[in-house]
């Protein structure tokens, strides 16, 4: 059983390798989806995978990579999209 989550991360999350670190973590957890920077300085992520993997990734998002700072994390479950890989969008 797969789940889909939309994740919005704000703080010092751009220019610190957050998208690349998120992709590495997503692949470690066998997740599919996408990550992108937003114009407001935040990062938006969509993930799909097992409940355990999704929860572990979401927990990682609450702190992010070493060089960043997460001030706010918003997570919403949504309908499956059917991602087949995990991509970084610009």
N, C-alpha and C. Protein backbone atom coordinates (compact mmCIF):
# COMPACT_ATOMS: atom_id res chain seq x y z
N UNK A 1 0.84 -1.19 0.00
CA UNK A 1 0.00 0.00 0.00
C UNK A 1 0.88 1.25 0.00
N UNK A 2 0.72 2.06 -1.02
CA UNK A 2 1.49 3.29 -1.13
C UNK A 2 0.67 4.47 -0.63
N UNK A 3 1.39 5.49 -0.17
CA UNK A 3 0.77 6.75 0.22
C UNK A 3 1.44 7.88 -0.55
N UNK A 4 0.74 9.01 -0.63
CA UNK A 4 1.25 10.22 -1.28
C UNK A 4 1.16 11.36 -0.28
N UNK A 5 2.26 12.13 -0.17
CA UNK A 5 2.28 13.29 0.71
C UNK A 5 2.81 14.50 -0.03
N UNK A 6 2.21 15.66 0.24
CA UNK A 6 2.70 16.95 -0.20
C UNK A 6 3.35 17.60 1.01
N UNK A 7 4.60 18.02 0.85
CA UNK A 7 5.37 18.57 1.97
C UNK A 7 5.87 19.95 1.60
N UNK A 8 5.65 20.90 2.49
CA UNK A 8 6.11 22.27 2.29
C UNK A 8 7.07 22.60 3.43
N UNK A 9 8.30 22.95 3.09
CA UNK A 9 9.34 23.21 4.08
C UNK A 9 9.80 24.65 3.94
N UNK A 10 9.79 25.39 5.05
CA UNK A 10 10.28 26.77 5.01
C UNK A 10 11.34 26.97 6.08
N UNK A 11 12.12 28.01 5.89
CA UNK A 11 13.26 28.32 6.75
C UNK A 11 14.43 28.68 5.86
N UNK A 12 15.62 28.31 6.27
CA UNK A 12 16.79 28.51 5.43
C UNK A 12 17.00 27.21 4.66
N UNK A 13 16.24 27.04 3.58
CA UNK A 13 16.19 25.76 2.86
C UNK A 13 16.59 25.87 1.39
N UNK A 14 16.92 27.06 0.94
CA UNK A 14 17.42 27.21 -0.43
C UNK A 14 18.87 27.65 -0.37
N UNK A 15 19.66 27.14 -1.31
CA UNK A 15 21.08 27.48 -1.34
C UNK A 15 21.91 26.66 -0.36
N UNK A 16 21.32 25.61 0.21
CA UNK A 16 22.02 24.77 1.19
C UNK A 16 22.03 23.30 0.77
N UNK A 17 21.63 23.01 -0.45
CA UNK A 17 21.61 21.64 -0.95
C UNK A 17 20.42 20.82 -0.50
N UNK A 18 19.34 21.50 -0.08
CA UNK A 18 18.18 20.78 0.44
C UNK A 18 17.58 19.85 -0.62
N UNK A 19 17.40 20.34 -1.84
CA UNK A 19 16.78 19.50 -2.88
C UNK A 19 17.61 18.26 -3.17
N UNK A 20 18.92 18.42 -3.24
CA UNK A 20 19.80 17.28 -3.53
C UNK A 20 19.83 16.29 -2.38
N UNK A 21 19.87 16.81 -1.15
CA UNK A 21 19.84 15.93 0.02
C UNK A 21 18.50 15.20 0.10
N UNK A 22 17.41 15.90 -0.25
CA UNK A 22 16.08 15.28 -0.23
C UNK A 22 16.01 14.15 -1.24
N UNK A 23 16.61 14.34 -2.41
CA UNK A 23 16.60 13.28 -3.43
C UNK A 23 17.38 12.06 -2.93
N UNK A 24 18.53 12.29 -2.33
CA UNK A 24 19.32 11.18 -1.80
C UNK A 24 18.53 10.41 -0.74
N UNK A 25 17.90 11.14 0.19
CA UNK A 25 17.10 10.49 1.23
C UNK A 25 15.92 9.74 0.63
N UNK A 26 15.25 10.35 -0.33
CA UNK A 26 14.10 9.69 -0.97
C UNK A 26 14.52 8.38 -1.62
N UNK A 27 15.66 8.38 -2.29
CA UNK A 27 16.14 7.15 -2.93
C UNK A 27 16.53 6.11 -1.88
N UNK A 28 17.11 6.55 -0.77
CA UNK A 28 17.45 5.62 0.32
C UNK A 28 16.20 4.95 0.87
N UNK A 29 15.11 5.71 0.93
CA UNK A 29 13.84 5.19 1.47
C UNK A 29 12.95 4.57 0.40
N UNK A 30 13.47 4.46 -0.83
CA UNK A 30 12.72 3.86 -1.94
C UNK A 30 11.43 4.62 -2.23
N UNK A 31 11.53 5.96 -2.23
CA UNK A 31 10.38 6.82 -2.52
C UNK A 31 10.48 7.37 -3.93
N UNK A 32 9.34 7.68 -4.49
CA UNK A 32 9.28 8.38 -5.77
C UNK A 32 8.63 9.74 -5.52
N UNK A 33 8.80 10.66 -6.48
CA UNK A 33 8.19 11.98 -6.34
C UNK A 33 9.03 13.06 -6.96
N UNK A 34 8.97 14.25 -6.36
CA UNK A 34 9.68 15.40 -6.90
C UNK A 34 9.95 16.41 -5.79
N UNK A 35 10.95 17.24 -6.01
CA UNK A 35 11.29 18.33 -5.08
C UNK A 35 11.61 19.56 -5.90
N UNK A 36 11.21 20.73 -5.42
CA UNK A 36 11.47 21.97 -6.15
C UNK A 36 11.54 23.16 -5.20
N UNK A 37 12.33 24.16 -5.60
CA UNK A 37 12.34 25.43 -4.89
C UNK A 37 11.12 26.23 -5.28
N UNK A 38 10.60 27.02 -4.34
CA UNK A 38 9.49 27.92 -4.62
C UNK A 38 10.01 29.35 -4.59
N UNK A 39 9.30 30.23 -5.26
CA UNK A 39 9.71 31.64 -5.35
C UNK A 39 9.76 32.32 -3.99
N UNK A 40 9.00 31.82 -3.02
CA UNK A 40 8.97 32.45 -1.69
C UNK A 40 10.13 32.01 -0.79
N UNK A 41 11.07 31.21 -1.32
CA UNK A 41 12.22 30.76 -0.56
C UNK A 41 12.03 29.42 0.13
N UNK A 42 10.87 28.81 -0.05
CA UNK A 42 10.59 27.51 0.56
C UNK A 42 10.89 26.39 -0.43
N UNK A 43 10.73 25.15 0.04
CA UNK A 43 10.91 23.97 -0.80
C UNK A 43 9.62 23.17 -0.74
N UNK A 44 9.19 22.67 -1.91
CA UNK A 44 7.97 21.86 -2.02
C UNK A 44 8.37 20.47 -2.48
N UNK A 45 7.81 19.46 -1.81
CA UNK A 45 8.15 18.07 -2.10
C UNK A 45 6.87 17.25 -2.21
N UNK A 46 6.84 16.34 -3.17
CA UNK A 46 5.80 15.32 -3.24
C UNK A 46 6.49 13.98 -3.19
N UNK A 47 6.00 13.08 -2.32
CA UNK A 47 6.58 11.74 -2.20
C UNK A 47 5.49 10.68 -2.27
N UNK A 48 5.89 9.52 -2.76
CA UNK A 48 5.02 8.35 -2.77
C UNK A 48 5.83 7.13 -2.35
N UNK A 49 5.23 6.32 -1.49
CA UNK A 49 5.90 5.10 -1.06
C UNK A 49 5.17 4.47 0.09
N UNK A 50 5.84 3.53 0.74
CA UNK A 50 5.24 2.82 1.87
C UNK A 50 5.05 3.79 3.03
N UNK A 51 4.08 3.52 3.90
CA UNK A 51 3.88 4.40 5.06
C UNK A 51 5.14 4.56 5.91
N UNK A 52 5.88 3.48 6.11
CA UNK A 52 7.09 3.55 6.93
C UNK A 52 8.14 4.46 6.29
N UNK A 53 8.35 4.31 4.99
CA UNK A 53 9.33 5.13 4.29
C UNK A 53 8.91 6.59 4.25
N UNK A 54 7.64 6.83 3.99
CA UNK A 54 7.13 8.21 3.98
C UNK A 54 7.33 8.87 5.34
N UNK A 55 7.00 8.16 6.41
CA UNK A 55 7.15 8.72 7.75
C UNK A 55 8.60 9.02 8.08
N UNK A 56 9.51 8.12 7.68
CA UNK A 56 10.94 8.35 7.93
C UNK A 56 11.43 9.58 7.15
N UNK A 57 10.99 9.73 5.91
CA UNK A 57 11.40 10.87 5.10
C UNK A 57 10.84 12.16 5.68
N UNK A 58 9.59 12.15 6.08
CA UNK A 58 8.98 13.34 6.67
C UNK A 58 9.73 13.74 7.95
N UNK A 59 10.12 12.76 8.74
CA UNK A 59 10.90 13.05 9.95
C UNK A 59 12.22 13.72 9.57
N UNK A 60 12.89 13.21 8.53
CA UNK A 60 14.12 13.83 8.06
C UNK A 60 13.87 15.28 7.63
N UNK A 61 12.76 15.53 6.95
CA UNK A 61 12.44 16.88 6.48
C UNK A 61 12.31 17.89 7.62
N UNK A 62 12.00 17.43 8.81
CA UNK A 62 11.84 18.35 9.94
C UNK A 62 13.17 18.99 10.35
N UNK A 63 14.28 18.39 9.94
CA UNK A 63 15.59 18.98 10.22
C UNK A 63 16.36 19.30 8.95
N UNK A 64 16.20 18.49 7.91
CA UNK A 64 16.87 18.71 6.63
C UNK A 64 18.37 18.50 6.71
N UNK A 65 19.11 18.99 5.71
CA UNK A 65 20.56 18.81 5.67
C UNK A 65 21.25 19.70 6.72
N UNK A 66 22.50 19.37 7.00
CA UNK A 66 23.25 20.07 8.06
C UNK A 66 23.36 21.57 7.86
N UNK A 67 23.46 22.03 6.63
CA UNK A 67 23.71 23.44 6.38
C UNK A 67 22.44 24.29 6.37
N UNK A 68 21.27 23.68 6.47
CA UNK A 68 20.02 24.42 6.43
C UNK A 68 19.40 24.58 7.80
N UNK A 69 18.23 25.19 7.80
CA UNK A 69 17.45 25.34 9.02
C UNK A 69 15.97 25.28 8.65
N UNK A 70 15.24 24.36 9.24
CA UNK A 70 13.81 24.22 8.98
C UNK A 70 13.05 24.94 10.08
N UNK A 71 12.26 25.93 9.69
CA UNK A 71 11.43 26.68 10.64
C UNK A 71 10.00 26.16 10.68
N UNK A 72 9.51 25.67 9.54
CA UNK A 72 8.13 25.22 9.48
C UNK A 72 8.02 24.06 8.49
N UNK A 73 7.24 23.06 8.87
CA UNK A 73 7.02 21.89 8.03
C UNK A 73 5.52 21.64 7.98
N UNK A 74 4.98 21.61 6.77
CA UNK A 74 3.56 21.34 6.56
C UNK A 74 3.44 20.08 5.72
N UNK A 75 2.66 19.12 6.18
CA UNK A 75 2.52 17.83 5.50
C UNK A 75 1.04 17.52 5.31
N UNK A 76 0.67 17.19 4.08
CA UNK A 76 -0.71 16.83 3.77
C UNK A 76 -0.73 15.57 2.92
N UNK A 77 -1.57 14.61 3.31
CA UNK A 77 -1.74 13.41 2.50
C UNK A 77 -2.66 13.73 1.33
N UNK A 78 -2.37 13.12 0.19
CA UNK A 78 -3.14 13.40 -1.02
C UNK A 78 -3.28 12.10 -1.82
N UNK A 79 -3.91 12.21 -2.99
CA UNK A 79 -4.10 11.06 -3.87
C UNK A 79 -2.81 10.70 -4.60
N UNK A 80 -2.62 9.43 -4.85
CA UNK A 80 -1.45 8.96 -5.58
C UNK A 80 -1.42 9.56 -6.98
N UNK A 81 -0.21 9.92 -7.41
CA UNK A 81 0.00 10.46 -8.75
C UNK A 81 0.56 9.36 -9.66
N UNK A 82 1.38 8.48 -9.10
CA UNK A 82 1.99 7.41 -9.90
C UNK A 82 3.40 7.73 -10.35
N UNK A 83 4.14 8.47 -9.54
CA UNK A 83 5.54 8.76 -9.88
C UNK A 83 6.31 7.46 -10.05
N UNK A 84 7.28 7.47 -10.97
CA UNK A 84 8.11 6.28 -11.20
C UNK A 84 9.56 6.51 -10.82
N UNK A 85 9.91 7.75 -10.47
CA UNK A 85 11.27 8.09 -10.06
C UNK A 85 11.17 9.29 -9.12
N UNK A 86 12.32 9.77 -8.65
CA UNK A 86 12.34 10.97 -7.82
C UNK A 86 13.18 12.01 -8.54
N UNK A 87 12.57 13.14 -8.86
CA UNK A 87 13.25 14.15 -9.66
C UNK A 87 13.40 15.47 -8.91
N UNK A 88 14.42 16.21 -9.31
CA UNK A 88 14.63 17.58 -8.82
C UNK A 88 14.16 18.50 -9.91
N UNK A 89 13.21 19.36 -9.57
CA UNK A 89 12.73 20.35 -10.56
C UNK A 89 13.31 21.72 -10.20
N UNK A 90 13.50 22.50 -11.19
CA UNK A 90 14.08 23.84 -10.98
C UNK A 90 13.01 24.87 -10.79
